[in-house]
Amino acid sequence: MQRRTISLICAMALALFLTAAQPVSAEGPAFDIAQREARLQPDGGIMLADVLIARPIGMAACAVGLVGTVLALPFATFSGNIYAVAERLVVEPFVYTFQRPVGHFPGELPSR
């Protein structure tokens, strides 16, 4: 009987030891993702500067790029790089101005 009691106590101590070693967290992976996304959102000042300063400059760059493409078209035709000129002078300013999320700038480092 005594041997059985000692075995039972050892088994219970082992079970307690093994369960105490497991990390316990009430937050799941969804909480981590939401927390990371909240850190990646720009603040209101950055968004306001983007809308009031960067977007109008981007629209002007679209217009200037379109005019520059028309002027460069004869030279680009002979050199064979029409698509490179159009990509650089028209498509890139358009994507920067109209398809980029408000407050996010290309090449920015993620906040910590």
PDB file of N, CA and C in Angstrom:
ATOM      1  N   MET A   1       0.818  -1.188   0.000  1.00  0.00           N
ATOM      2  CA  MET A   1       0.000   0.000   0.000  1.00  0.00           C
ATOM      3  C   MET A   1       0.867   1.259   0.000  1.00  0.00           C
ATOM      4  N   GLN A   2       1.921   1.234   0.785  1.00  0.00           N
ATOM      5  CA  GLN A   2       2.796   2.393   0.871  1.00  0.00           C
ATOM      6  C   GLN A   2       3.521   2.618  -0.463  1.00  0.00           C
ATOM      7  N   ARG A   3       3.898   1.567  -1.096  1.00  0.00           N
ATOM      8  CA  ARG A   3       4.569   1.672  -2.384  1.00  0.00           C
ATOM      9  C   ARG A   3       3.620   2.267  -3.429  1.00  0.00           C
ATOM     10  N   ARG A   4       2.361   1.890  -3.372  1.00  0.00           N
ATOM     11  CA  ARG A   4       1.358   2.419  -4.286  1.00  0.00           C
ATOM     12  C   ARG A   4       1.154   3.921  -4.044  1.00  0.00           C
ATOM     13  N   THR A   5       1.149   4.379  -2.825  1.00  0.00           N
ATOM     14  CA  THR A   5       0.977   5.784  -2.478  1.00  0.00           C
ATOM     15  C   THR A   5       2.166   6.597  -2.982  1.00  0.00           C
ATOM     16  N   ILE A   6       3.355   6.070  -2.798  1.00  0.00           N
ATOM     17  CA  ILE A   6       4.559   6.767  -3.268  1.00  0.00           C
ATOM     18  C   ILE A   6       4.539   6.873  -4.795  1.00  0.00           C
ATOM     19  N   SER A   7       4.133   5.829  -5.487  1.00  0.00           N
ATOM     20  CA  SER A   7       4.046   5.854  -6.949  1.00  0.00           C
ATOM     21  C   SER A   7       3.011   6.876  -7.419  1.00  0.00           C
ATOM     22  N   LEU A   8       1.881   6.937  -6.711  1.00  0.00           N
ATOM     23  CA  LEU A   8       0.845   7.892  -7.063  1.00  0.00           C
ATOM     24  C   LEU A   8       1.310   9.332  -6.848  1.00  0.00           C
ATOM     25  N   ILE A   9       2.011   9.580  -5.740  1.00  0.00           N
ATOM     26  CA  ILE A   9       2.540  10.920  -5.465  1.00  0.00           C
ATOM     27  C   ILE A   9       3.580  11.308  -6.521  1.00  0.00           C
ATOM     28  N   CYS A  10       4.430  10.380  -6.884  1.00  0.00           N
ATOM     29  CA  CYS A  10       5.442  10.660  -7.920  1.00  0.00           C
ATOM     30  C   CYS A  10       4.791  10.944  -9.270  1.00  0.00           C
ATOM     31  N   ALA A  11       3.767  10.193  -9.615  1.00  0.00           N
ATOM     32  CA  ALA A  11       3.067  10.405 -10.881  1.00  0.00           C
ATOM     33  C   ALA A  11       2.377  11.766 -10.890  1.00  0.00           C
ATOM     34  N   MET A  12       1.773  12.141  -9.765  1.00  0.00           N
ATOM     35  CA  MET A  12       1.100  13.445  -9.683  1.00  0.00           C
ATOM     36  C   MET A  12       2.122  14.591  -9.737  1.00  0.00           C
ATOM     37  N   ALA A  13       3.258  14.416  -9.085  1.00  0.00           N
ATOM     38  CA  ALA A  13       4.301  15.445  -9.120  1.00  0.00           C
ATOM     39  C   ALA A  13       4.857  15.597 -10.529  1.00  0.00           C
ATOM     40  N   LEU A  14       5.054  14.481 -11.221  1.00  0.00           N
ATOM     41  CA  LEU A  14       5.539  14.518 -12.592  1.00  0.00           C
ATOM     42  C   LEU A  14       4.524  15.209 -13.510  1.00  0.00           C
ATOM     43  N   ALA A  15       3.245  14.892 -13.342  1.00  0.00           N
ATOM     44  CA  ALA A  15       2.200  15.529 -14.153  1.00  0.00           C
ATOM     45  C   ALA A  15       2.142  17.022 -13.871  1.00  0.00           C
ATOM     46  N   LEU A  16       2.269  17.420 -12.628  1.00  0.00           N
ATOM     47  CA  LEU A  16       2.264  18.836 -12.270  1.00  0.00           C
ATOM     48  C   LEU A  16       3.481  19.546 -12.854  1.00  0.00           C
ATOM     49  N   PHE A  17       4.624  18.908 -12.805  1.00  0.00           N
ATOM     50  CA  PHE A  17       5.853  19.480 -13.343  1.00  0.00           C
ATOM     51  C   PHE A  17       5.756  19.663 -14.866  1.00  0.00           C
ATOM     52  N   LEU A  18       5.216  18.667 -15.565  1.00  0.00           N
ATOM     53  CA  LEU A  18       5.121  18.741 -17.015  1.00  0.00           C
ATOM     54  C   LEU A  18       4.091  19.770 -17.474  1.00  0.00           C
ATOM     55  N   THR A  19       2.988  19.933 -16.764  1.00  0.00           N
ATOM     56  CA  THR A  19       1.993  20.922 -17.175  1.00  0.00           C
ATOM     57  C   THR A  19       2.423  22.331 -16.814  1.00  0.00           C
ATOM     58  N   ALA A  20       3.213  22.514 -15.806  1.00  0.00           N
ATOM     59  CA  ALA A  20       3.664  23.846 -15.420  1.00  0.00           C
ATOM     60  C   ALA A  20       4.707  24.383 -16.408  1.00  0.00           C
ATOM     61  N   ALA A  21       5.341  23.511 -17.159  1.00  0.00           N
ATOM     62  CA  ALA A  21       6.384  23.930 -18.086  1.00  0.00           C
ATOM     63  C   ALA A  21       5.810  24.482 -19.391  1.00  0.00           C
ATOM     64  N   GLN A  22       4.512  24.302 -19.639  1.00  0.00           N
ATOM     65  CA  GLN A  22       3.903  24.768 -20.874  1.00  0.00           C
ATOM     66  C   GLN A  22       3.528  26.243 -20.756  1.00  0.00           C
ATOM     67  N   PRO A  23       3.888  27.062 -21.743  1.00  0.00           N
ATOM     68  CA  PRO A  23       3.496  28.468 -21.691  1.00  0.00           C
ATOM     69  C   PRO A  23       1.988  28.604 -21.906  1.00  0.00           C
ATOM     70  N   VAL A  24       1.386  29.498 -21.186  1.00  0.00           N
ATOM     71  CA  VAL A  24      -0.048  29.708 -21.268  1.00  0.00           C
ATOM     72  C   VAL A  24      -0.280  31.158 -21.696  1.00  0.00           C
ATOM     73  N   SER A  25      -1.127  31.325 -22.687  1.00  0.00           N
ATOM     74  CA  SER A  25      -1.428  32.663 -23.177  1.00  0.00           C
ATOM     75  C   SER A  25      -2.896  32.736 -23.546  1.00  0.00           C
ATOM     76  N   ALA A  26      -3.556  33.781 -23.088  1.00  0.00           N
ATOM     77  CA  ALA A  26      -4.960  33.964 -23.419  1.00  0.00           C
ATOM     78  C   ALA A  26      -5.115  34.552 -24.819  1.00  0.00           C
ATOM     79  N   GLU A  27      -4.074  35.201 -25.323  1.00  0.00           N
ATOM     80  CA  GLU A  27      -4.134  35.775 -26.646  1.00  0.00           C
ATOM     81  C   GLU A  27      -3.606  34.779 -27.655  1.00  0.00           C
ATOM     82  N   GLY A  28      -4.293  34.677 -28.766  1.00  0.00           N
ATOM     83  CA  GLY A  28      -3.872  33.764 -29.810  1.00  0.00           C
ATOM     84  C   GLY A  28      -3.095  34.481 -30.885  1.00  0.00           C
ATOM     85  N   PRO A  29      -2.843  33.794 -31.984  1.00  0.00           N
ATOM     86  CA  PRO A  29      -2.100  34.401 -33.087  1.00  0.00           C
ATOM     87  C   PRO A  29      -2.840  35.585 -33.712  1.00  0.00           C
ATOM     88  N   ALA A  30      -4.162  35.583 -33.651  1.00  0.00           N
ATOM     89  CA  ALA A  30      -4.917  36.697 -34.224  1.00  0.00           C
ATOM     90  C   ALA A  30      -4.615  37.995 -33.476  1.00  0.00           C
ATOM     91  N   PHE A  31      -4.402  37.902 -32.180  1.00  0.00           N
ATOM     92  CA  PHE A  31      -4.059  39.093 -31.399  1.00  0.00           C
ATOM     93  C   PHE A  31      -2.720  39.654 -31.839  1.00  0.00           C
ATOM     94  N   ASP A  32      -1.741  38.787 -32.097  1.00  0.00           N
ATOM     95  CA  ASP A  32      -0.426  39.239 -32.556  1.00  0.00           C
ATOM     96  C   ASP A  32      -0.516  39.925 -33.914  1.00  0.00           C
ATOM     97  N   ILE A  33      -1.323  39.373 -34.814  1.00  0.00           N
ATOM     98  CA  ILE A  33      -1.475  39.954 -36.145  1.00  0.00           C
ATOM     99  C   ILE A  33      -2.139  41.321 -36.046  1.00  0.00           C
ATOM    100  N   ALA A  34      -3.188  41.429 -35.233  1.00  0.00           N
ATOM    101  CA  ALA A  34      -3.877  42.710 -35.068  1.00  0.00           C
ATOM    102  C   ALA A  34      -2.950  43.752 -34.452  1.00  0.00           C
ATOM    103  N   GLN A  35      -2.133  43.326 -33.500  1.00  0.00           N
ATOM    104  CA  GLN A  35      -1.197  44.251 -32.861  1.00  0.00           C
ATOM    105  C   GLN A  35      -0.146  44.729 -33.865  1.00  0.00           C
ATOM    106  N   ARG A  36       0.348  43.832 -34.705  1.00  0.00           N
ATOM    107  CA  ARG A  36       1.341  44.196 -35.712  1.00  0.00           C
ATOM    108  C   ARG A  36       0.730  45.143 -36.742  1.00  0.00           C
ATOM    109  N   GLU A  37      -0.511  44.893 -37.174  1.00  0.00           N
ATOM    110  CA  GLU A  37      -1.157  45.765 -38.145  1.00  0.00           C
ATOM    111  C   GLU A  37      -1.414  47.150 -37.567  1.00  0.00           C
ATOM    112  N   ALA A  38      -1.735  47.217 -36.279  1.00  0.00           N
ATOM    113  CA  ALA A  38      -1.959  48.515 -35.639  1.00  0.00           C
ATOM    114  C   ALA A  38      -0.669  49.334 -35.618  1.00  0.00           C
ATOM    115  N   ARG A  39       0.474  48.674 -35.460  1.00  0.00           N
ATOM    116  CA  ARG A  39       1.750  49.393 -35.466  1.00  0.00           C
ATOM    117  C   ARG A  39       2.116  49.868 -36.862  1.00  0.00           C
ATOM    118  N   LEU A  40       1.629  49.179 -37.907  1.00  0.00           N
ATOM    119  CA  LEU A  40       1.977  49.548 -39.269  1.00  0.00           C
ATOM    120  C   LEU A  40       1.104  50.673 -39.816  1.00  0.00           C
ATOM    121  N   GLN A  41       0.023  51.029 -39.125  1.00  0.00           N
ATOM    122  CA  GLN A  41      -0.839  52.106 -39.582  1.00  0.00           C
ATOM    123  C   GLN A  41      -0.167  53.454 -39.317  1.00  0.00           C
ATOM    124  N   PRO A  42      -0.117  54.318 -40.328  1.00  0.00           N
ATOM    125  CA  PRO A  42       0.489  55.637 -40.116  1.00  0.00           C
ATOM    126  C   PRO A  42      -0.419  56.514 -39.264  1.00  0.00           C
ATOM    127  N   ASP A  43       0.174  57.492 -38.614  1.00  0.00           N
ATOM    128  CA  ASP A  43      -0.640  58.386 -37.788  1.00  0.00           C
ATOM    129  C   ASP A  43      -1.319  59.437 -38.674  1.00  0.00           C
ATOM    130  N   GLY A  44      -2.204  60.220 -38.077  1.00  0.00           N
ATOM    131  CA  GLY A  44      -3.001  61.184 -38.828  1.00  0.00           C
ATOM    132  C   GLY A  44      -2.183  62.271 -39.486  1.00  0.00           C
ATOM    133  N   GLY A  45      -1.108  62.697 -38.852  1.00  0.00           N
ATOM    134  CA  GLY A  45      -0.265  63.737 -39.436  1.00  0.00           C
ATOM    135  C   GLY A  45       0.374  63.299 -40.735  1.00  0.00           C
ATOM    136  N   ILE A  46       0.838  62.076 -40.773  1.00  0.00           N
ATOM    137  CA  ILE A  46       1.444  61.532 -41.997  1.00  0.00           C
ATOM    138  C   ILE A  46       0.386  61.427 -43.089  1.00  0.00           C
ATOM    139  N   MET A  47      -0.801  60.966 -42.720  1.00  0.00           N
ATOM    140  CA  MET A  47      -1.867  60.841 -43.713  1.00  0.00           C
ATOM    141  C   MET A  47      -2.280  62.208 -44.267  1.00  0.00           C
ATOM    142  N   LEU A  48      -2.367  63.198 -43.392  1.00  0.00           N
ATOM    143  CA  LEU A  48      -2.742  64.540 -43.819  1.00  0.00           C
ATOM    144  C   LEU A  48      -1.674  65.142 -44.733  1.00  0.00           C
ATOM    145  N   ALA A  49      -0.413  64.957 -44.389  1.00  0.00           N
ATOM    146  CA  ALA A  49       0.678  65.447 -45.238  1.00  0.00           C
ATOM    147  C   ALA A  49       0.664  64.742 -46.592  1.00  0.00           C
ATOM    148  N   ASP A  50       0.321  63.469 -46.593  1.00  0.00           N
ATOM    149  CA  ASP A  50       0.247  62.726 -47.840  1.00  0.00           C
ATOM    150  C   ASP A  50      -0.844  63.305 -48.742  1.00  0.00           C
ATOM    151  N   VAL A  51      -2.024  63.542 -48.162  1.00  0.00           N
ATOM    152  CA  VAL A  51      -3.152  64.039 -48.953  1.00  0.00           C
ATOM    153  C   VAL A  51      -2.937  65.485 -49.409  1.00  0.00           C
ATOM    154  N   LEU A  52      -2.361  66.317 -48.548  1.00  0.00           N
ATOM    155  CA  LEU A  52      -2.230  67.736 -48.885  1.00  0.00           C
ATOM    156  C   LEU A  52      -0.964  68.080 -49.664  1.00  0.00           C
ATOM    157  N   ILE A  53       0.089  67.279 -49.531  1.00  0.00           N
ATOM    158  CA  ILE A  53       1.364  67.622 -50.173  1.00  0.00           C
ATOM    159  C   ILE A  53       1.768  66.590 -51.225  1.00  0.00           C
ATOM    160  N   ALA A  54       1.869  65.330 -50.837  1.00  0.00           N
ATOM    161  CA  ALA A  54       2.423  64.312 -51.736  1.00  0.00           C
ATOM    162  C   ALA A  54       1.497  63.987 -52.902  1.00  0.00           C
ATOM    163  N   ARG A  55       0.186  63.914 -52.663  1.00  0.00           N
ATOM    164  CA  ARG A  55      -0.738  63.570 -53.754  1.00  0.00           C
ATOM    165  C   ARG A  55      -0.809  64.668 -54.821  1.00  0.00           C
ATOM    166  N   PRO A  56      -0.906  65.947 -54.440  1.00  0.00           N
ATOM    167  CA  PRO A  56      -0.870  66.967 -55.506  1.00  0.00           C
ATOM    168  C   PRO A  56       0.448  66.979 -56.289  1.00  0.00           C
ATOM    169  N   ILE A  57       1.547  66.743 -55.610  1.00  0.00           N
ATOM    170  CA  ILE A  57       2.830  66.648 -56.317  1.00  0.00           C
ATOM    171  C   ILE A  57       2.818  65.439 -57.251  1.00  0.00           C
ATOM    172  N   GLY A  58       2.215  64.355 -56.816  1.00  0.00           N
ATOM    173  CA  GLY A  58       2.094  63.168 -57.663  1.00  0.00           C
ATOM    174  C   GLY A  58       1.240  63.423 -58.889  1.00  0.00           C
ATOM    175  N   MET A  59       0.145  64.188 -58.730  1.00  0.00           N
ATOM    176  CA  MET A  59      -0.691  64.521 -59.887  1.00  0.00           C
ATOM    177  C   MET A  59       0.075  65.396 -60.876  1.00  0.00           C
ATOM    178  N   ALA A  60       0.865  66.338 -60.367  1.00  0.00           N
ATOM    179  CA  ALA A  60       1.695  67.165 -61.245  1.00  0.00           C
ATOM    180  C   ALA A  60       2.738  66.303 -61.947  1.00  0.00           C
ATOM    181  N   ALA A  61       3.295  65.324 -61.233  1.00  0.00           N
ATOM    182  CA  ALA A  61       4.280  64.427 -61.841  1.00  0.00           C
ATOM    183  C   ALA A  61       3.640  63.584 -62.942  1.00  0.00           C
ATOM    184  N   CYS A  62       2.377  63.209 -62.764  1.00  0.00           N
ATOM    185  CA  CYS A  62       1.674  62.469 -63.817  1.00  0.00           C
ATOM    186  C   CYS A  62       1.551  63.321 -65.076  1.00  0.00           C
ATOM    187  N   ALA A  63       1.181  64.595 -64.919  1.00  0.00           N
ATOM    188  CA  ALA A  63       1.020  65.482 -66.074  1.00  0.00           C
ATOM    189  C   ALA A  63       2.361  65.746 -66.758  1.00  0.00           C
ATOM    190  N   VAL A  64       3.380  66.037 -65.966  1.00  0.00           N
ATOM    191  CA  VAL A  64       4.709  66.301 -66.531  1.00  0.00           C
ATOM    192  C   VAL A  64       5.261  65.035 -67.194  1.00  0.00           C
ATOM    193  N   GLY A  65       5.033  63.888 -66.592  1.00  0.00           N
ATOM    194  CA  GLY A  65       5.495  62.628 -67.180  1.00  0.00           C
ATOM    195  C   GLY A  65       4.814  62.322 -68.497  1.00  0.00           C
ATOM    196  N   LEU A  66       3.523  62.639 -68.589  1.00  0.00           N
ATOM    197  CA  LEU A  66       2.805  62.422 -69.841  1.00  0.00           C
ATOM    198  C   LEU A  66       3.357  63.322 -70.948  1.00  0.00           C
ATOM    199  N   VAL A  67       3.588  64.588 -70.630  1.00  0.00           N
ATOM    200  CA  VAL A  67       4.169  65.511 -71.607  1.00  0.00           C
ATOM    201  C   VAL A  67       5.584  65.049 -71.982  1.00  0.00           C
ATOM    202  N   GLY A  68       6.364  64.637 -70.988  1.00  0.00           N
ATOM    203  CA  GLY A  68       7.718  64.153 -71.263  1.00  0.00           C
ATOM    204  C   GLY A  68       7.728  62.908 -72.128  1.00  0.00           C
ATOM    205  N   THR A  69       6.738  62.046 -71.936  1.00  0.00           N
ATOM    206  CA  THR A  69       6.651  60.838 -72.759  1.00  0.00           C
ATOM    207  C   THR A  69       6.347  61.196 -74.205  1.00  0.00           C
ATOM    208  N   VAL A  70       5.437  62.124 -74.396  1.00  0.00           N
ATOM    209  CA  VAL A  70       5.110  62.547 -75.769  1.00  0.00           C
ATOM    210  C   VAL A  70       6.334  63.167 -76.439  1.00  0.00           C
ATOM    211  N   LEU A  71       7.079  63.978 -75.686  1.00  0.00           N
ATOM    212  CA  LEU A  71       8.290  64.588 -76.259  1.00  0.00           C
ATOM    213  C   LEU A  71       9.389  63.563 -76.526  1.00  0.00           C
ATOM    214  N   ALA A  72       9.485  62.538 -75.670  1.00  0.00           N
ATOM    215  CA  ALA A  72      10.543  61.534 -75.819  1.00  0.00           C
ATOM    216  C   ALA A  72      10.171  60.405 -76.770  1.00  0.00           C
ATOM    217  N   LEU A  73       8.917  60.362 -77.192  1.00  0.00           N
ATOM    218  CA  LEU A  73       8.444  59.248 -78.012  1.00  0.00           C
ATOM    219  C   LEU A  73       9.237  59.053 -79.312  1.00  0.00           C
ATOM    220  N   PRO A  74       9.573  60.106 -80.071  1.00  0.00           N
ATOM    221  CA  PRO A  74      10.358  59.863 -81.293  1.00  0.00           C
ATOM    222  C   PRO A  74      11.734  59.260 -81.004  1.00  0.00           C
ATOM    223  N   PHE A  75      12.361  59.722 -79.951  1.00  0.00           N
ATOM    224  CA  PHE A  75      13.693  59.201 -79.614  1.00  0.00           C
ATOM    225  C   PHE A  75      13.601  57.780 -79.060  1.00  0.00           C
ATOM    226  N   ALA A  76      12.572  57.531 -78.268  1.00  0.00           N
ATOM    227  CA  ALA A  76      12.390  56.200 -77.688  1.00  0.00           C
ATOM    228  C   ALA A  76      12.038  55.171 -78.753  1.00  0.00           C
ATOM    229  N   THR A  77      11.352  55.616 -79.800  1.00  0.00           N
ATOM    230  CA  THR A  77      10.988  54.701 -80.878  1.00  0.00           C
ATOM    231  C   THR A  77      12.238  54.205 -81.596  1.00  0.00           C
ATOM    232  N   PHE A  78      13.148  55.114 -81.887  1.00  0.00           N
ATOM    233  CA  PHE A  78      14.365  54.720 -82.599  1.00  0.00           C
ATOM    234  C   PHE A  78      15.304  53.896 -81.724  1.00  0.00           C
ATOM    235  N   SER A  79      15.308  54.149 -80.428  1.00  0.00           N
ATOM    236  CA  SER A  79      16.201  53.380 -79.556  1.00  0.00           C
ATOM    237  C   SER A  79      15.553  52.085 -79.064  1.00  0.00           C
ATOM    238  N   GLY A  80      14.252  51.944 -79.272  1.00  0.00           N
ATOM    239  CA  GLY A  80      13.590  50.687 -78.929  1.00  0.00           C
ATOM    240  C   GLY A  80      13.199  50.540 -77.468  1.00  0.00           C
ATOM    241  N   ASN A  81      13.083  51.630 -76.723  1.00  0.00           N
ATOM    242  CA  ASN A  81      12.706  51.514 -75.312  1.00  0.00           C
ATOM    243  C   ASN A  81      11.470  52.346 -74.976  1.00  0.00           C
ATOM    244  N   ILE A  82      10.448  52.231 -75.810  1.00  0.00           N
ATOM    245  CA  ILE A  82       9.203  52.964 -75.584  1.00  0.00           C
ATOM    246  C   ILE A  82       8.575  52.555 -74.254  1.00  0.00           C
ATOM    247  N   TYR A  83       8.562  51.248 -73.987  1.00  0.00           N
ATOM    248  CA  TYR A  83       7.906  50.750 -72.762  1.00  0.00           C
ATOM    249  C   TYR A  83       8.646  51.187 -71.509  1.00  0.00           C
ATOM    250  N   ALA A  84       9.960  51.254 -71.573  1.00  0.00           N
ATOM    251  CA  ALA A  84      10.727  51.708 -70.409  1.00  0.00           C
ATOM    252  C   ALA A  84      10.450  53.179 -70.123  1.00  0.00           C
ATOM    253  N   VAL A  85      10.364  53.988 -71.170  1.00  0.00           N
ATOM    254  CA  VAL A  85      10.068  55.409 -70.991  1.00  0.00           C
ATOM    255  C   VAL A  85       8.665  55.590 -70.429  1.00  0.00           C
ATOM    256  N   ALA A  86       7.692  54.876 -70.985  1.00  0.00           N
ATOM    257  CA  ALA A  86       6.311  54.987 -70.508  1.00  0.00           C
ATOM    258  C   ALA A  86       6.184  54.484 -69.074  1.00  0.00           C
ATOM    259  N   GLU A  87       6.879  53.426 -68.757  1.00  0.00           N
ATOM    260  CA  GLU A  87       6.837  52.879 -67.383  1.00  0.00           C
ATOM    261  C   GLU A  87       7.365  53.897 -66.382  1.00  0.00           C
ATOM    262  N   ARG A  88       8.495  54.488 -66.715  1.00  0.00           N
ATOM    263  CA  ARG A  88       9.159  55.401 -65.783  1.00  0.00           C
ATOM    264  C   ARG A  88       8.448  56.752 -65.672  1.00  0.00           C
ATOM    265  N   LEU A  89       7.953  57.278 -66.787  1.00  0.00           N
ATOM    266  CA  LEU A  89       7.397  58.628 -66.784  1.00  0.00           C
ATOM    267  C   LEU A  89       5.882  58.689 -66.579  1.00  0.00           C
ATOM    268  N   VAL A  90       5.165  57.597 -66.860  1.00  0.00           N
ATOM    269  CA  VAL A  90       3.709  57.632 -66.741  1.00  0.00           C
ATOM    270  C   VAL A  90       3.205  56.673 -65.659  1.00  0.00           C
ATOM    271  N   VAL A  91       3.607  55.421 -65.744  1.00  0.00           N
ATOM    272  CA  VAL A  91       3.038  54.401 -64.856  1.00  0.00           C
ATOM    273  C   VAL A  91       3.486  54.592 -63.415  1.00  0.00           C
ATOM    274  N   GLU A  92       4.760  54.820 -63.181  1.00  0.00           N
ATOM    275  CA  GLU A  92       5.241  54.969 -61.798  1.00  0.00           C
ATOM    276  C   GLU A  92       4.603  56.161 -61.071  1.00  0.00           C
ATOM    277  N   PRO A  93       4.509  57.356 -61.678  1.00  0.00           N
ATOM    278  CA  PRO A  93       3.809  58.440 -60.976  1.00  0.00           C
ATOM    279  C   PRO A  93       2.328  58.150 -60.753  1.00  0.00           C
ATOM    280  N   PHE A  94       1.687  57.460 -61.713  1.00  0.00           N
ATOM    281  CA  PHE A  94       0.279  57.116 -61.556  1.00  0.00           C
ATOM    282  C   PHE A  94       0.073  56.166 -60.380  1.00  0.00           C
ATOM    283  N   VAL A  95       0.900  55.130 -60.288  1.00  0.00           N
ATOM    284  CA  VAL A  95       0.792  54.173 -59.176  1.00  0.00           C
ATOM    285  C   VAL A  95       1.074  54.875 -57.853  1.00  0.00           C
ATOM    286  N   TYR A  96       2.081  55.727 -57.820  1.00  0.00           N
ATOM    287  CA  TYR A  96       2.418  56.466 -56.593  1.00  0.00           C
ATOM    288  C   TYR A  96       1.269  57.352 -56.149  1.00  0.00           C
ATOM    289  N   THR A  97       0.584  57.975 -57.098  1.00  0.00           N
ATOM    290  CA  THR A  97      -0.459  58.936 -56.754  1.00  0.00           C
ATOM    291  C   THR A  97      -1.804  58.282 -56.473  1.00  0.00           C
ATOM    292  N   PHE A  98      -2.207  57.320 -57.267  1.00  0.00           N
ATOM    293  CA  PHE A  98      -3.577  56.836 -57.196  1.00  0.00           C
ATOM    294  C   PHE A  98      -3.746  55.422 -56.640  1.00  0.00           C
ATOM    295  N   GLN A  99      -2.704  54.608 -56.580  1.00  0.00           N
ATOM    296  CA  GLN A  99      -2.869  53.235 -56.116  1.00  0.00           C
ATOM    297  C   GLN A  99      -2.198  52.954 -54.780  1.00  0.00           C
ATOM    298  N   ARG A 100      -1.385  53.855 -54.298  1.00  0.00           N
ATOM    299  CA  ARG A 100      -0.697  53.677 -53.022  1.00  0.00           C
ATOM    300  C   ARG A 100      -1.656  53.990 -51.879  1.00  0.00           C
ATOM    301  N   PRO A 101      -1.651  53.189 -50.787  1.00  0.00           N
ATOM    302  CA  PRO A 101      -2.505  53.503 -49.640  1.00  0.00           C
ATOM    303  C   PRO A 101      -2.107  54.841 -49.011  1.00  0.00           C
ATOM    304  N   VAL A 102      -3.098  55.565 -48.520  1.00  0.00           N
ATOM    305  CA  VAL A 102      -2.861  56.892 -47.939  1.00  0.00           C
ATOM    306  C   VAL A 102      -1.961  56.759 -46.713  1.00  0.00           C
ATOM    307  N   GLY A 103      -0.896  57.525 -46.689  1.00  0.00           N
ATOM    308  CA  GLY A 103       0.025  57.542 -45.560  1.00  0.00           C
ATOM    309  C   GLY A 103       1.185  56.574 -45.681  1.00  0.00           C
ATOM    310  N   HIS A 104       1.174  55.708 -46.673  1.00  0.00           N
ATOM    311  CA  HIS A 104       2.271  54.753 -46.876  1.00  0.00           C
ATOM    312  C   HIS A 104       3.123  55.241 -48.040  1.00  0.00           C
ATOM    313  N   PHE A 105       4.421  55.300 -47.795  1.00  0.00           N
ATOM    314  CA  PHE A 105       5.342  55.776 -48.824  1.00  0.00           C
ATOM    315  C   PHE A 105       6.266  54.632 -49.224  1.00  0.00           C
ATOM    316  N   PRO A 106       6.650  54.551 -50.510  1.00  0.00           N
ATOM    317  CA  PRO A 106       7.543  53.480 -50.925  1.00  0.00           C
ATOM    318  C   PRO A 106       8.920  53.604 -50.262  1.00  0.00           C
ATOM    319  N   GLY A 107       9.438  52.491 -49.841  1.00  0.00           N
ATOM    320  CA  GLY A 107      10.761  52.475 -49.223  1.00  0.00           C
ATOM    321  C   GLY A 107      10.776  52.840 -47.757  1.00  0.00           C
ATOM    322  N   GLU A 108       9.616  53.037 -47.147  1.00  0.00           N
ATOM    323  CA  GLU A 108       9.607  53.408 -45.726  1.00  0.00           C
ATOM    324  C   GLU A 108       9.904  52.192 -44.868  1.00  0.00           C
ATOM    325  N   LEU A 109      10.538  52.439 -43.747  1.00  0.00           N
ATOM    326  CA  LEU A 109      10.827  51.374 -42.818  1.00  0.00           C
ATOM    327  C   LEU A 109       9.614  51.138 -41.933  1.00  0.00           C
ATOM    328  N   PRO A 110       9.282  49.857 -41.657  1.00  0.00           N
ATOM    329  CA  PRO A 110       8.144  49.606 -40.770  1.00  0.00           C
ATOM    330  C   PRO A 110       8.436  50.084 -39.361  1.00  0.00           C
ATOM    331  N   SER A 111       7.414  50.647 -38.711  1.00  0.00           N
ATOM    332  CA  SER A 111       7.598  51.134 -37.347  1.00  0.00           C
ATOM    333  C   SER A 111       7.663  49.966 -36.383  1.00  0.00           C
ATOM    334  N   ARG A 112       8.313  50.189 -35.265  1.00  0.00           N
ATOM    335  CA  ARG A 112       8.485  49.100 -34.291  1.00  0.00           C
ATOM    336  C   ARG A 112       7.493  49.183 -33.200  1.00  0.00           C
TER     337      ARG A 112
END
